Amino acid sequence: MNPFDKYLGPEDILGGQCAKWLFAQYPKMLWWHTPNEGRRTPFERYRAELLGIRRGVSDILIMEARNGCNGLVIELKAGRNKCTPEQFDFLEKMKERNYLTAVVYKFEEFQQTVNDYLK
């Protein structure tokens, strides 16, 4: 066990499970997790805005075209968390650009969503 594990929240743990599984199941697939979580200092907020980092970008973006879709965009949530207005807006914009989108709350739901999309 890593000593930093105690600082992870439920969504961090879910994201870690998803990443580990994607690396193992689909090692050649192009995907990433967008690190938009957490609090930022005033300087970090300034820097993020300067660099074009956008609020609401989904957690996992899979850049593999399947069944007429350009890719799969997944927002991870844990517990009773809900999407923010910015997250809903991002998901809608991705749908408009022909990406399949999903909001998932459990690891098994994530696995099913990815497997259904890729097969």
PDB file of N, CA and C in Angstrom:
ATOM      1  N   MET A   1       0.848  -1.194   0.000  1.00  0.00           N
ATOM      2  CA  MET A   1       0.000   0.000   0.000  1.00  0.00           C
ATOM      3  C   MET A   1       0.883   1.243   0.000  1.00  0.00           C
ATOM      4  N   ASN A   2       0.494   2.204  -0.789  1.00  0.00           N
ATOM      5  CA  ASN A   2       1.235   3.448  -0.891  1.00  0.00           C
ATOM      6  C   ASN A   2       0.817   4.389   0.244  1.00  0.00           C
ATOM      7  N   PRO A   3       1.757   5.097   0.869  1.00  0.00           N
ATOM      8  CA  PRO A   3       1.384   6.004   1.953  1.00  0.00           C
ATOM      9  C   PRO A   3       0.473   7.155   1.515  1.00  0.00           C
ATOM     10  N   PHE A   4       0.413   7.439   0.236  1.00  0.00           N
ATOM     11  CA  PHE A   4      -0.452   8.507  -0.258  1.00  0.00           C
ATOM     12  C   PHE A   4      -1.896   8.038  -0.467  1.00  0.00           C
ATOM     13  N   ASP A   5      -2.135   6.734  -0.409  1.00  0.00           N
ATOM     14  CA  ASP A   5      -3.486   6.213  -0.625  1.00  0.00           C
ATOM     15  C   ASP A   5      -4.507   6.846   0.307  1.00  0.00           C
ATOM     16  N   LYS A   6      -4.090   7.192   1.512  1.00  0.00           N
ATOM     17  CA  LYS A   6      -5.033   7.751   2.489  1.00  0.00           C
ATOM     18  C   LYS A   6      -5.576   9.119   2.064  1.00  0.00           C
ATOM     19  N   TYR A   7      -4.935   9.760   1.096  1.00  0.00           N
ATOM     20  CA  TYR A   7      -5.378  11.073   0.626  1.00  0.00           C
ATOM     21  C   TYR A   7      -6.322  10.980  -0.574  1.00  0.00           C
ATOM     22  N   LEU A   8      -6.521   9.777  -1.090  1.00  0.00           N
ATOM     23  CA  LEU A   8      -7.374   9.607  -2.261  1.00  0.00           C
ATOM     24  C   LEU A   8      -8.846   9.620  -1.870  1.00  0.00           C
ATOM     25  N   GLY A   9      -9.638  10.288  -2.687  1.00  0.00           N
ATOM     26  CA  GLY A   9     -11.081  10.285  -2.496  1.00  0.00           C
ATOM     27  C   GLY A   9     -11.704   9.154  -3.292  1.00  0.00           C
ATOM     28  N   PRO A  10     -13.005   8.923  -3.112  1.00  0.00           N
ATOM     29  CA  PRO A  10     -13.686   7.846  -3.830  1.00  0.00           C
ATOM     30  C   PRO A  10     -13.576   7.953  -5.351  1.00  0.00           C
ATOM     31  N   GLU A  11     -13.633   9.175  -5.882  1.00  0.00           N
ATOM     32  CA  GLU A  11     -13.522   9.327  -7.335  1.00  0.00           C
ATOM     33  C   GLU A  11     -12.098   9.053  -7.815  1.00  0.00           C
ATOM     34  N   ASP A  12     -11.103   9.395  -7.004  1.00  0.00           N
ATOM     35  CA  ASP A  12      -9.711   9.063  -7.335  1.00  0.00           C
ATOM     36  C   ASP A  12      -9.528   7.555  -7.404  1.00  0.00           C
ATOM     37  N   ILE A  13     -10.100   6.862  -6.430  1.00  0.00           N
ATOM     38  CA  ILE A  13      -9.979   5.397  -6.386  1.00  0.00           C
ATOM     39  C   ILE A  13     -10.649   4.780  -7.608  1.00  0.00           C
ATOM     40  N   LEU A  14     -11.851   5.256  -7.942  1.00  0.00           N
ATOM     41  CA  LEU A  14     -12.545   4.770  -9.134  1.00  0.00           C
ATOM     42  C   LEU A  14     -11.717   5.043 -10.384  1.00  0.00           C
ATOM     43  N   GLY A  15     -11.175   6.254 -10.512  1.00  0.00           N
ATOM     44  CA  GLY A  15     -10.351   6.593 -11.673  1.00  0.00           C
ATOM     45  C   GLY A  15      -9.117   5.711 -11.776  1.00  0.00           C
ATOM     46  N   GLY A  16      -8.506   5.408 -10.639  1.00  0.00           N
ATOM     47  CA  GLY A  16      -7.337   4.519 -10.642  1.00  0.00           C
ATOM     48  C   GLY A  16      -7.687   3.114 -11.085  1.00  0.00           C
ATOM     49  N   GLN A  17      -8.823   2.599 -10.626  1.00  0.00           N
ATOM     50  CA  GLN A  17      -9.277   1.271 -11.054  1.00  0.00           C
ATOM     51  C   GLN A  17      -9.501   1.250 -12.560  1.00  0.00           C
ATOM     52  N   CYS A  18     -10.142   2.297 -13.061  1.00  0.00           N
ATOM     53  CA  CYS A  18     -10.444   2.377 -14.496  1.00  0.00           C
ATOM     54  C   CYS A  18      -9.158   2.441 -15.318  1.00  0.00           C
ATOM     55  N   ALA A  19      -8.207   3.248 -14.881  1.00  0.00           N
ATOM     56  CA  ALA A  19      -6.944   3.385 -15.612  1.00  0.00           C
ATOM     57  C   ALA A  19      -6.180   2.063 -15.633  1.00  0.00           C
ATOM     58  N   LYS A  20      -6.078   1.428 -14.490  1.00  0.00           N
ATOM     59  CA  LYS A  20      -5.365   0.149 -14.403  1.00  0.00           C
ATOM     60  C   LYS A  20      -6.002  -0.885 -15.325  1.00  0.00           C
ATOM     61  N   TRP A  21      -7.318  -0.931 -15.335  1.00  0.00           N
ATOM     62  CA  TRP A  21      -8.032  -1.880 -16.183  1.00  0.00           C
ATOM     63  C   TRP A  21      -7.828  -1.560 -17.668  1.00  0.00           C
ATOM     64  N   LEU A  22      -7.916  -0.273 -18.040  1.00  0.00           N
ATOM     65  CA  LEU A  22      -7.702   0.096 -19.443  1.00  0.00           C
ATOM     66  C   LEU A  22      -6.303  -0.273 -19.908  1.00  0.00           C
ATOM     67  N   PHE A  23      -5.297   0.005 -19.091  1.00  0.00           N
ATOM     68  CA  PHE A  23      -3.923  -0.363 -19.457  1.00  0.00           C
ATOM     69  C   PHE A  23      -3.790  -1.865 -19.670  1.00  0.00           C
ATOM     70  N   ALA A  24      -4.453  -2.657 -18.827  1.00  0.00           N
ATOM     71  CA  ALA A  24      -4.351  -4.116 -18.926  1.00  0.00           C
ATOM     72  C   ALA A  24      -5.173  -4.686 -20.084  1.00  0.00           C
ATOM     73  N   GLN A  25      -6.397  -4.194 -20.251  1.00  0.00           N
ATOM     74  CA  GLN A  25      -7.300  -4.762 -21.254  1.00  0.00           C
ATOM     75  C   GLN A  25      -7.078  -4.223 -22.667  1.00  0.00           C
ATOM     76  N   TYR A  26      -6.691  -2.969 -22.770  1.00  0.00           N
ATOM     77  CA  TYR A  26      -6.550  -2.314 -24.075  1.00  0.00           C
ATOM     78  C   TYR A  26      -5.225  -1.549 -24.126  1.00  0.00           C
ATOM     79  N   PRO A  27      -4.102  -2.257 -24.089  1.00  0.00           N
ATOM     80  CA  PRO A  27      -2.797  -1.580 -23.969  1.00  0.00           C
ATOM     81  C   PRO A  27      -2.427  -0.690 -25.157  1.00  0.00           C
ATOM     82  N   LYS A  28      -3.000  -0.914 -26.325  1.00  0.00           N
ATOM     83  CA  LYS A  28      -2.637  -0.111 -27.499  1.00  0.00           C
ATOM     84  C   LYS A  28      -3.635   1.009 -27.791  1.00  0.00           C
ATOM     85  N   MET A  29      -4.658   1.091 -26.993  1.00  0.00           N
ATOM     86  CA  MET A  29      -5.700   2.089 -27.235  1.00  0.00           C
ATOM     87  C   MET A  29      -5.224   3.480 -26.829  1.00  0.00           C
ATOM     88  N   LEU A  30      -5.630   4.491 -27.610  1.00  0.00           N
ATOM     89  CA  LEU A  30      -5.300   5.880 -27.294  1.00  0.00           C
ATOM     90  C   LEU A  30      -6.400   6.455 -26.397  1.00  0.00           C
ATOM     91  N   TRP A  31      -6.025   6.774 -25.170  1.00  0.00           N
ATOM     92  CA  TRP A  31      -6.957   7.344 -24.202  1.00  0.00           C
ATOM     93  C   TRP A  31      -6.155   8.133 -23.186  1.00  0.00           C
ATOM     94  N   TRP A  32      -6.862   8.964 -22.411  1.00  0.00           N
ATOM     95  CA  TRP A  32      -6.213   9.652 -21.304  1.00  0.00           C
ATOM     96  C   TRP A  32      -7.248  10.071 -20.274  1.00  0.00           C
ATOM     97  N   HIS A  33      -6.729  10.354 -19.103  1.00  0.00           N
ATOM     98  CA  HIS A  33      -7.530  10.920 -18.021  1.00  0.00           C
ATOM     99  C   HIS A  33      -7.163  12.390 -17.917  1.00  0.00           C
ATOM    100  N   THR A  34      -8.152  13.256 -17.951  1.00  0.00           N
ATOM    101  CA  THR A  34      -7.919  14.692 -17.873  1.00  0.00           C
ATOM    102  C   THR A  34      -7.857  15.112 -16.405  1.00  0.00           C
ATOM    103  N   PRO A  35      -6.724  15.653 -15.955  1.00  0.00           N
ATOM    104  CA  PRO A  35      -6.582  16.011 -14.531  1.00  0.00           C
ATOM    105  C   PRO A  35      -7.179  17.378 -14.203  1.00  0.00           C
ATOM    106  N   ASN A  36      -8.502  17.429 -14.159  1.00  0.00           N
ATOM    107  CA  ASN A  36      -9.187  18.694 -13.875  1.00  0.00           C
ATOM    108  C   ASN A  36      -9.645  18.811 -12.430  1.00  0.00           C
ATOM    109  N   GLU A  37      -9.412  17.765 -11.632  1.00  0.00           N
ATOM    110  CA  GLU A  37      -9.935  17.751 -10.268  1.00  0.00           C
ATOM    111  C   GLU A  37      -9.087  18.603  -9.331  1.00  0.00           C
ATOM    112  N   GLY A  38      -9.643  18.853  -8.187  1.00  0.00           N
ATOM    113  CA  GLY A  38      -8.877  19.463  -7.110  1.00  0.00           C
ATOM    114  C   GLY A  38      -8.968  20.974  -7.047  1.00  0.00           C
ATOM    115  N   ARG A  39      -8.488  21.466  -5.941  1.00  0.00           N
ATOM    116  CA  ARG A  39      -8.448  22.911  -5.715  1.00  0.00           C
ATOM    117  C   ARG A  39      -7.147  23.467  -6.274  1.00  0.00           C
ATOM    118  N   ARG A  40      -7.217  24.722  -6.676  1.00  0.00           N
ATOM    119  CA  ARG A  40      -6.027  25.382  -7.211  1.00  0.00           C
ATOM    120  C   ARG A  40      -5.798  26.691  -6.474  1.00  0.00           C
ATOM    121  N   THR A  41      -4.544  27.035  -6.364  1.00  0.00           N
ATOM    122  CA  THR A  41      -4.192  28.339  -5.797  1.00  0.00           C
ATOM    123  C   THR A  41      -4.576  29.415  -6.810  1.00  0.00           C
ATOM    124  N   PRO A  42      -4.608  30.678  -6.396  1.00  0.00           N
ATOM    125  CA  PRO A  42      -4.895  31.743  -7.372  1.00  0.00           C
ATOM    126  C   PRO A  42      -3.929  31.711  -8.560  1.00  0.00           C
ATOM    127  N   PHE A  43      -2.649  31.450  -8.306  1.00  0.00           N
ATOM    128  CA  PHE A  43      -1.696  31.372  -9.424  1.00  0.00           C
ATOM    129  C   PHE A  43      -2.031  30.199 -10.332  1.00  0.00           C
ATOM    130  N   GLU A  44      -2.353  29.047  -9.758  1.00  0.00           N
ATOM    131  CA  GLU A  44      -2.674  27.873 -10.577  1.00  0.00           C
ATOM    132  C   GLU A  44      -3.934  28.101 -11.413  1.00  0.00           C
ATOM    133  N   ARG A  45      -4.910  28.807 -10.858  1.00  0.00           N
ATOM    134  CA  ARG A  45      -6.114  29.152 -11.628  1.00  0.00           C
ATOM    135  C   ARG A  45      -5.763  30.093 -12.778  1.00  0.00           C
ATOM    136  N   TYR A  46      -4.924  31.076 -12.494  1.00  0.00           N
ATOM    137  CA  TYR A  46      -4.472  32.008 -13.539  1.00  0.00           C
ATOM    138  C   TYR A  46      -3.754  31.248 -14.652  1.00  0.00           C
ATOM    139  N   ARG A  47      -2.817  30.390 -14.252  1.00  0.00           N
ATOM    140  CA  ARG A  47      -2.037  29.607 -15.220  1.00  0.00           C
ATOM    141  C   ARG A  47      -2.951  28.702 -16.047  1.00  0.00           C
ATOM    142  N   ALA A  48      -3.911  28.047 -15.404  1.00  0.00           N
ATOM    143  CA  ALA A  48      -4.833  27.158 -16.110  1.00  0.00           C
ATOM    144  C   ALA A  48      -5.625  27.932 -17.164  1.00  0.00           C
ATOM    145  N   GLU A  49      -6.107  29.106 -16.776  1.00  0.00           N
ATOM    146  CA  GLU A  49      -6.860  29.930 -17.719  1.00  0.00           C
ATOM    147  C   GLU A  49      -5.966  30.384 -18.874  1.00  0.00           C
ATOM    148  N   LEU A  50      -4.763  30.790 -18.560  1.00  0.00           N
ATOM    149  CA  LEU A  50      -3.809  31.224 -19.571  1.00  0.00           C
ATOM    150  C   LEU A  50      -3.512  30.114 -20.583  1.00  0.00           C
ATOM    151  N   LEU A  51      -3.398  28.886 -20.096  1.00  0.00           N
ATOM    152  CA  LEU A  51      -3.060  27.748 -20.957  1.00  0.00           C
ATOM    153  C   LEU A  51      -4.266  27.145 -21.673  1.00  0.00           C
ATOM    154  N   GLY A  52      -5.464  27.644 -21.371  1.00  0.00           N
ATOM    155  CA  GLY A  52      -6.654  27.143 -22.051  1.00  0.00           C
ATOM    156  C   GLY A  52      -7.256  25.899 -21.418  1.00  0.00           C
ATOM    157  N   ILE A  53      -6.891  25.605 -20.174  1.00  0.00           N
ATOM    158  CA  ILE A  53      -7.498  24.474 -19.495  1.00  0.00           C
ATOM    159  C   ILE A  53      -8.956  24.818 -19.233  1.00  0.00           C
ATOM    160  N   ARG A  54      -9.847  23.909 -19.582  1.00  0.00           N
ATOM    161  CA  ARG A  54     -11.277  24.194 -19.516  1.00  0.00           C
ATOM    162  C   ARG A  54     -11.954  23.452 -18.381  1.00  0.00           C
ATOM    163  N   ARG A  55     -12.841  24.134 -17.713  1.00  0.00           N
ATOM    164  CA  ARG A  55     -13.662  23.507 -16.686  1.00  0.00           C
ATOM    165  C   ARG A  55     -14.657  22.573 -17.359  1.00  0.00           C
ATOM    166  N   GLY A  56     -14.946  21.477 -16.709  1.00  0.00           N
ATOM    167  CA  GLY A  56     -15.983  20.572 -17.186  1.00  0.00           C
ATOM    168  C   GLY A  56     -15.522  19.481 -18.128  1.00  0.00           C
ATOM    169  N   VAL A  57     -14.261  19.498 -18.545  1.00  0.00           N
ATOM    170  CA  VAL A  57     -13.779  18.451 -19.450  1.00  0.00           C
ATOM    171  C   VAL A  57     -13.907  17.105 -18.744  1.00  0.00           C
ATOM    172  N   SER A  58     -14.424  16.132 -19.448  1.00  0.00           N
ATOM    173  CA  SER A  58     -14.675  14.820 -18.849  1.00  0.00           C
ATOM    174  C   SER A  58     -13.391  14.137 -18.414  1.00  0.00           C
ATOM    175  N   ASP A  59     -13.557  13.159 -17.531  1.00  0.00           N
ATOM    176  CA  ASP A  59     -12.413  12.487 -16.929  1.00  0.00           C
ATOM    177  C   ASP A  59     -11.635  11.625 -17.911  1.00  0.00           C
ATOM    178  N   ILE A  60     -12.332  10.767 -18.650  1.00  0.00           N
ATOM    179  CA  ILE A  60     -11.639   9.826 -19.531  1.00  0.00           C
ATOM    180  C   ILE A  60     -12.136  10.033 -20.955  1.00  0.00           C
ATOM    181  N   LEU A  61     -11.181  10.233 -21.856  1.00  0.00           N
ATOM    182  CA  LEU A  61     -11.479  10.379 -23.275  1.00  0.00           C
ATOM    183  C   LEU A  61     -10.783   9.262 -24.030  1.00  0.00           C
ATOM    184  N   ILE A  62     -11.565   8.490 -24.752  1.00  0.00           N
ATOM    185  CA  ILE A  62     -11.051   7.367 -25.539  1.00  0.00           C
ATOM    186  C   ILE A  62     -11.165   7.760 -27.002  1.00  0.00           C
ATOM    187  N   MET A  63     -10.037   7.836 -27.667  1.00  0.00           N
ATOM    188  CA  MET A  63      -9.982   8.319 -29.043  1.00  0.00           C
ATOM    189  C   MET A  63      -9.918   7.152 -30.028  1.00  0.00           C
ATOM    190  N   GLU A  64     -10.924   6.316 -29.981  1.00  0.00           N
ATOM    191  CA  GLU A  64     -11.033   5.170 -30.878  1.00  0.00           C
ATOM    192  C   GLU A  64     -12.411   5.232 -31.532  1.00  0.00           C
ATOM    193  N   ALA A  65     -12.438   5.404 -32.844  1.00  0.00           N
ATOM    194  CA  ALA A  65     -13.704   5.468 -33.568  1.00  0.00           C
ATOM    195  C   ALA A  65     -14.334   4.077 -33.649  1.00  0.00           C
ATOM    196  N   ARG A  66     -15.624   4.021 -33.379  1.00  0.00           N
ATOM    197  CA  ARG A  66     -16.374   2.770 -33.468  1.00  0.00           C
ATOM    198  C   ARG A  66     -17.818   3.083 -33.834  1.00  0.00           C
ATOM    199  N   ASN A  67     -18.384   2.213 -34.677  1.00  0.00           N
ATOM    200  CA  ASN A  67     -19.827   2.263 -34.989  1.00  0.00           C
ATOM    201  C   ASN A  67     -20.328   3.672 -35.310  1.00  0.00           C
ATOM    202  N   GLY A  68     -19.572   4.407 -36.078  1.00  0.00           N
ATOM    203  CA  GLY A  68     -19.996   5.737 -36.497  1.00  0.00           C
ATOM    204  C   GLY A  68     -19.722   6.841 -35.496  1.00  0.00           C
ATOM    205  N   CYS A  69     -19.133   6.523 -34.343  1.00  0.00           N
ATOM    206  CA  CYS A  69     -18.778   7.538 -33.341  1.00  0.00           C
ATOM    207  C   CYS A  69     -17.280   7.816 -33.408  1.00  0.00           C
ATOM    208  N   ASN A  70     -16.903   9.030 -33.110  1.00  0.00           N
ATOM    209  CA  ASN A  70     -15.488   9.414 -33.151  1.00  0.00           C
ATOM    210  C   ASN A  70     -14.701   8.930 -31.940  1.00  0.00           C
ATOM    211  N   GLY A  71     -15.379   8.634 -30.843  1.00  0.00           N
ATOM    212  CA  GLY A  71     -14.715   8.185 -29.627  1.00  0.00           C
ATOM    213  C   GLY A  71     -15.719   8.115 -28.495  1.00  0.00           C
ATOM    214  N   LEU A  72     -15.193   7.815 -27.310  1.00  0.00           N
ATOM    215  CA  LEU A  72     -16.009   7.652 -26.121  1.00  0.00           C
ATOM    216  C   LEU A  72     -15.514   8.598 -25.038  1.00  0.00           C
ATOM    217  N   VAL A  73     -16.427   9.344 -24.441  1.00  0.00           N
ATOM    218  CA  VAL A  73     -16.103  10.328 -23.406  1.00  0.00           C
ATOM    219  C   VAL A  73     -16.842   9.920 -22.136  1.00  0.00           C
ATOM    220  N   ILE A  74     -16.092   9.758 -21.037  1.00  0.00           N
ATOM    221  CA  ILE A  74     -16.698   9.273 -19.798  1.00  0.00           C
ATOM    222  C   ILE A  74     -16.416  10.222 -18.647  1.00  0.00           C
ATOM    223  N   GLU A  75     -17.480  10.602 -17.975  1.00  0.00           N
ATOM    224  CA  GLU A  75     -17.378  11.379 -16.746  1.00  0.00           C
ATOM    225  C   GLU A  75     -17.544  10.408 -15.581  1.00  0.00           C
ATOM    226  N   LEU A  76     -16.569  10.376 -14.681  1.00  0.00           N
ATOM    227  CA  LEU A  76     -16.618   9.496 -13.517  1.00  0.00           C
ATOM    228  C   LEU A  76     -17.218  10.239 -12.335  1.00  0.00           C
ATOM    229  N   LYS A  77     -18.102   9.579 -11.634  1.00  0.00           N
ATOM    230  CA  LYS A  77     -18.700  10.128 -10.424  1.00  0.00           C
ATOM    231  C   LYS A  77     -18.706   9.054  -9.352  1.00  0.00           C
ATOM    232  N   ALA A  78     -18.608   9.474  -8.109  1.00  0.00           N
ATOM    233  CA  ALA A  78     -18.643   8.533  -6.995  1.00  0.00           C
ATOM    234  C   ALA A  78     -19.701   8.975  -6.005  1.00  0.00           C
ATOM    235  N   GLY A  79     -20.314   8.007  -5.359  1.00  0.00           N
ATOM    236  CA  GLY A  79     -21.320   8.335  -4.358  1.00  0.00           C
ATOM    237  C   GLY A  79     -22.514   9.027  -4.975  1.00  0.00           C
ATOM    238  N   ARG A  80     -22.906  10.143  -4.362  1.00  0.00           N
ATOM    239  CA  ARG A  80     -24.074  10.890  -4.844  1.00  0.00           C
ATOM    240  C   ARG A  80     -23.686  12.121  -5.649  1.00  0.00           C
ATOM    241  N   ASN A  81     -22.442  12.203  -6.053  1.00  0.00           N
ATOM    242  CA  ASN A  81     -21.988  13.359  -6.836  1.00  0.00           C
ATOM    243  C   ASN A  81     -22.774  13.447  -8.135  1.00  0.00           C
ATOM    244  N   LYS A  82     -22.997  14.649  -8.561  1.00  0.00           N
ATOM    245  CA  LYS A  82     -23.692  14.924  -9.822  1.00  0.00           C
ATOM    246  C   LYS A  82     -22.776  15.740 -10.718  1.00  0.00           C
ATOM    247  N   CYS A  83     -23.069  15.722 -11.997  1.00  0.00           N
ATOM    248  CA  CYS A  83     -22.308  16.539 -12.939  1.00  0.00           C
ATOM    249  C   CYS A  83     -22.585  18.018 -12.688  1.00  0.00           C
ATOM    250  N   THR A  84     -21.547  18.820 -12.864  1.00  0.00           N
ATOM    251  CA  THR A  84     -21.703  20.266 -12.789  1.00  0.00           C
ATOM    252  C   THR A  84     -22.296  20.759 -14.107  1.00  0.00           C
ATOM    253  N   PRO A  85     -22.799  21.987 -14.128  1.00  0.00           N
ATOM    254  CA  PRO A  85     -23.289  22.534 -15.406  1.00  0.00           C
ATOM    255  C   PRO A  85     -22.201  22.517 -16.485  1.00  0.00           C
ATOM    256  N   GLU A  86     -20.960  22.810 -16.099  1.00  0.00           N
ATOM    257  CA  GLU A  86     -19.855  22.789 -17.080  1.00  0.00           C
ATOM    258  C   GLU A  86     -19.618  21.381 -17.617  1.00  0.00           C
ATOM    259  N   GLN A  87     -19.758  20.381 -16.764  1.00  0.00           N
ATOM    260  CA  GLN A  87     -19.577  19.000 -17.211  1.00  0.00           C
ATOM    261  C   GLN A  87     -20.699  18.579 -18.156  1.00  0.00           C
ATOM    262  N   PHE A  88     -21.941  18.938 -17.826  1.00  0.00           N
ATOM    263  CA  PHE A  88     -23.052  18.645 -18.740  1.00  0.00           C
ATOM    264  C   PHE A  88     -22.848  19.337 -20.082  1.00  0.00           C
ATOM    265  N   ASP A  89     -22.401  20.575 -20.054  1.00  0.00           N
ATOM    266  CA  ASP A  89     -22.148  21.328 -21.285  1.00  0.00           C
ATOM    267  C   ASP A  89     -21.074  20.643 -22.130  1.00  0.00           C
ATOM    268  N   PHE A  90     -19.991  20.203 -21.489  1.00  0.00           N
ATOM    269  CA  PHE A  90     -18.922  19.523 -22.233  1.00  0.00           C
ATOM    270  C   PHE A  90     -19.454  18.233 -22.867  1.00  0.00           C
ATOM    271  N   LEU A  91     -20.212  17.449 -22.106  1.00  0.00           N
ATOM    272  CA  LEU A  91     -20.763  16.207 -22.644  1.00  0.00           C
ATOM    273  C   LEU A  91     -21.664  16.495 -23.852  1.00  0.00           C
ATOM    274  N   GLU A  92     -22.472  17.541 -23.765  1.00  0.00           N
ATOM    275  CA  GLU A  92     -23.338  17.907 -24.892  1.00  0.00           C
ATOM    276  C   GLU A  92     -22.520  18.312 -26.114  1.00  0.00           C
ATOM    277  N   LYS A  93     -21.472  19.083 -25.896  1.00  0.00           N
ATOM    278  CA  LYS A  93     -20.616  19.502 -27.016  1.00  0.00           C
ATOM    279  C   LYS A  93     -19.936  18.306 -27.665  1.00  0.00           C
ATOM    280  N   MET A  94     -19.570  17.317 -26.864  1.00  0.00           N
ATOM    281  CA  MET A  94     -18.941  16.119 -27.434  1.00  0.00           C
ATOM    282  C   MET A  94     -19.971  15.301 -28.225  1.00  0.00           C
ATOM    283  N   LYS A  95     -21.200  15.220 -27.732  1.00  0.00           N
ATOM    284  CA  LYS A  95     -22.256  14.532 -28.478  1.00  0.00           C
ATOM    285  C   LYS A  95     -22.469  15.202 -29.829  1.00  0.00           C
ATOM    286  N   GLU A  96     -22.470  16.540 -29.833  1.00  0.00           N
ATOM    287  CA  GLU A  96     -22.652  17.289 -31.082  1.00  0.00           C
ATOM    288  C   GLU A  96     -21.533  16.987 -32.078  1.00  0.00           C
ATOM    289  N   ARG A  97     -20.386  16.575 -31.571  1.00  0.00           N
ATOM    290  CA  ARG A  97     -19.229  16.255 -32.418  1.00  0.00           C
ATOM    291  C   ARG A  97     -19.102  14.759 -32.674  1.00  0.00           C
ATOM    292  N   ASN A  98     -20.202  14.044 -32.420  1.00  0.00           N
ATOM    293  CA  ASN A  98     -20.307  12.622 -32.726  1.00  0.00           C
ATOM    294  C   ASN A  98     -19.439  11.724 -31.845  1.00  0.00           C
ATOM    295  N   TYR A  99     -19.352  12.067 -30.565  1.00  0.00           N
ATOM    296  CA  TYR A  99     -18.725  11.192 -29.579  1.00  0.00           C
ATOM    297  C   TYR A  99     -19.824  10.589 -28.726  1.00  0.00           C
ATOM    298  N   LEU A 100     -19.669   9.331 -28.364  1.00  0.00           N
ATOM    299  CA  LEU A 100     -20.573   8.717 -27.407  1.00  0.00           C
ATOM    300  C   LEU A 100     -20.155   9.189 -26.028  1.00  0.00           C
ATOM    301  N   THR A 101     -21.119   9.541 -25.191  1.00  0.00           N
ATOM    302  CA  THR A 101     -20.795  10.035 -23.852  1.00  0.00           C
ATOM    303  C   THR A 101     -21.507   9.203 -22.799  1.00  0.00           C
ATOM    304  N   ALA A 102     -20.901   9.158 -21.602  1.00  0.00           N
ATOM    305  CA  ALA A 102     -21.500   8.422 -20.494  1.00  0.00           C
ATOM    306  C   ALA A 102     -21.046   9.033 -19.180  1.00  0.00           C
ATOM    307  N   VAL A 103     -21.907   8.920 -18.186  1.00  0.00           N
ATOM    308  CA  VAL A 103     -21.566   9.257 -16.807  1.00  0.00           C
ATOM    309  C   VAL A 103     -21.669   7.941 -16.041  1.00  0.00           C
ATOM    310  N   VAL A 104     -20.572   7.538 -15.389  1.00  0.00           N
ATOM    311  CA  VAL A 104     -20.578   6.261 -14.679  1.00  0.00           C
ATOM    312  C   VAL A 104     -20.209   6.463 -13.206  1.00  0.00           C
ATOM    313  N   TYR A 105     -20.800   5.633 -12.363  1.00  0.00           N
ATOM    314  CA  TYR A 105     -20.624   5.730 -10.919  1.00  0.00           C
ATOM    315  C   TYR A 105     -19.899   4.528 -10.321  1.00  0.00           C
ATOM    316  N   LYS A 106     -19.807   3.445 -11.045  1.00  0.00           N
ATOM    317  CA  LYS A 106     -19.193   2.227 -10.514  1.00  0.00           C
ATOM    318  C   LYS A 106     -18.226   1.640 -11.534  1.00  0.00           C
ATOM    319  N   PHE A 107     -17.227   0.943 -11.022  1.00  0.00           N
ATOM    320  CA  PHE A 107     -16.200   0.353 -11.877  1.00  0.00           C
ATOM    321  C   PHE A 107     -16.808  -0.619 -12.884  1.00  0.00           C
ATOM    322  N   GLU A 108     -17.739  -1.457 -12.436  1.00  0.00           N
ATOM    323  CA  GLU A 108     -18.358  -2.432 -13.330  1.00  0.00           C
ATOM    324  C   GLU A 108     -19.142  -1.735 -14.443  1.00  0.00           C
ATOM    325  N   GLU A 109     -19.746  -0.627 -14.112  1.00  0.00           N
ATOM    326  CA  GLU A 109     -20.467   0.170 -15.115  1.00  0.00           C
ATOM    327  C   GLU A 109     -19.479   0.734 -16.143  1.00  0.00           C
ATOM    328  N   PHE A 110     -18.313   1.161 -15.669  1.00  0.00           N
ATOM    329  CA  PHE A 110     -17.268   1.648 -16.568  1.00  0.00           C
ATOM    330  C   PHE A 110     -16.823   0.540 -17.522  1.00  0.00           C
ATOM    331  N   GLN A 111     -16.528  -0.636 -16.970  1.00  0.00           N
ATOM    332  CA  GLN A 111     -16.091  -1.765 -17.801  1.00  0.00           C
ATOM    333  C   GLN A 111     -17.128  -2.081 -18.873  1.00  0.00           C
ATOM    334  N   GLN A 112     -18.392  -2.158 -18.474  1.00  0.00           N
ATOM    335  CA  GLN A 112     -19.460  -2.485 -19.412  1.00  0.00           C
ATOM    336  C   GLN A 112     -19.579  -1.426 -20.503  1.00  0.00           C
ATOM    337  N   THR A 113     -19.489  -0.162 -20.123  1.00  0.00           N
ATOM    338  CA  THR A 113     -19.593   0.931 -21.089  1.00  0.00           C
ATOM    339  C   THR A 113     -18.468   0.860 -22.116  1.00  0.00           C
ATOM    340  N   VAL A 114     -17.248   0.657 -21.655  1.00  0.00           N
ATOM    341  CA  VAL A 114     -16.103   0.586 -22.565  1.00  0.00           C
ATOM    342  C   VAL A 114     -16.193  -0.655 -23.451  1.00  0.00           C
ATOM    343  N   ASN A 115     -16.466  -1.814 -22.857  1.00  0.00           N
ATOM    344  CA  ASN A 115     -16.548  -3.047 -23.646  1.00  0.00           C
ATOM    345  C   ASN A 115     -17.663  -2.973 -24.683  1.00  0.00           C
ATOM    346  N   ASP A 116     -18.830  -2.451 -24.291  1.00  0.00           N
ATOM    347  CA  ASP A 116     -19.930  -2.317 -25.250  1.00  0.00           C
ATOM    348  C   ASP A 116     -19.546  -1.397 -26.401  1.00  0.00           C
ATOM    349  N   TYR A 117     -18.834  -0.327 -26.101  1.00  0.00           N
ATOM    350  CA  TYR A 117     -18.431   0.624 -27.142  1.00  0.00           C
ATOM    351  C   TYR A 117     -17.396   0.005 -28.090  1.00  0.00           C
ATOM    352  N   LEU A 118     -16.429  -0.703 -27.548  1.00  0.00           N
ATOM    353  CA  LEU A 118     -15.311  -1.187 -28.358  1.00  0.00           C
ATOM    354  C   LEU A 118     -15.596  -2.476 -29.118  1.00  0.00           C
ATOM    355  N   LYS A 119     -16.661  -3.165 -28.748  1.00  0.00           N
ATOM    356  CA  LYS A 119     -16.938  -4.453 -29.437  1.00  0.00           C
ATOM    357  C   LYS A 119     -18.126  -4.398 -30.335  1.00  0.00           C
TER     358      LYS A 119
END
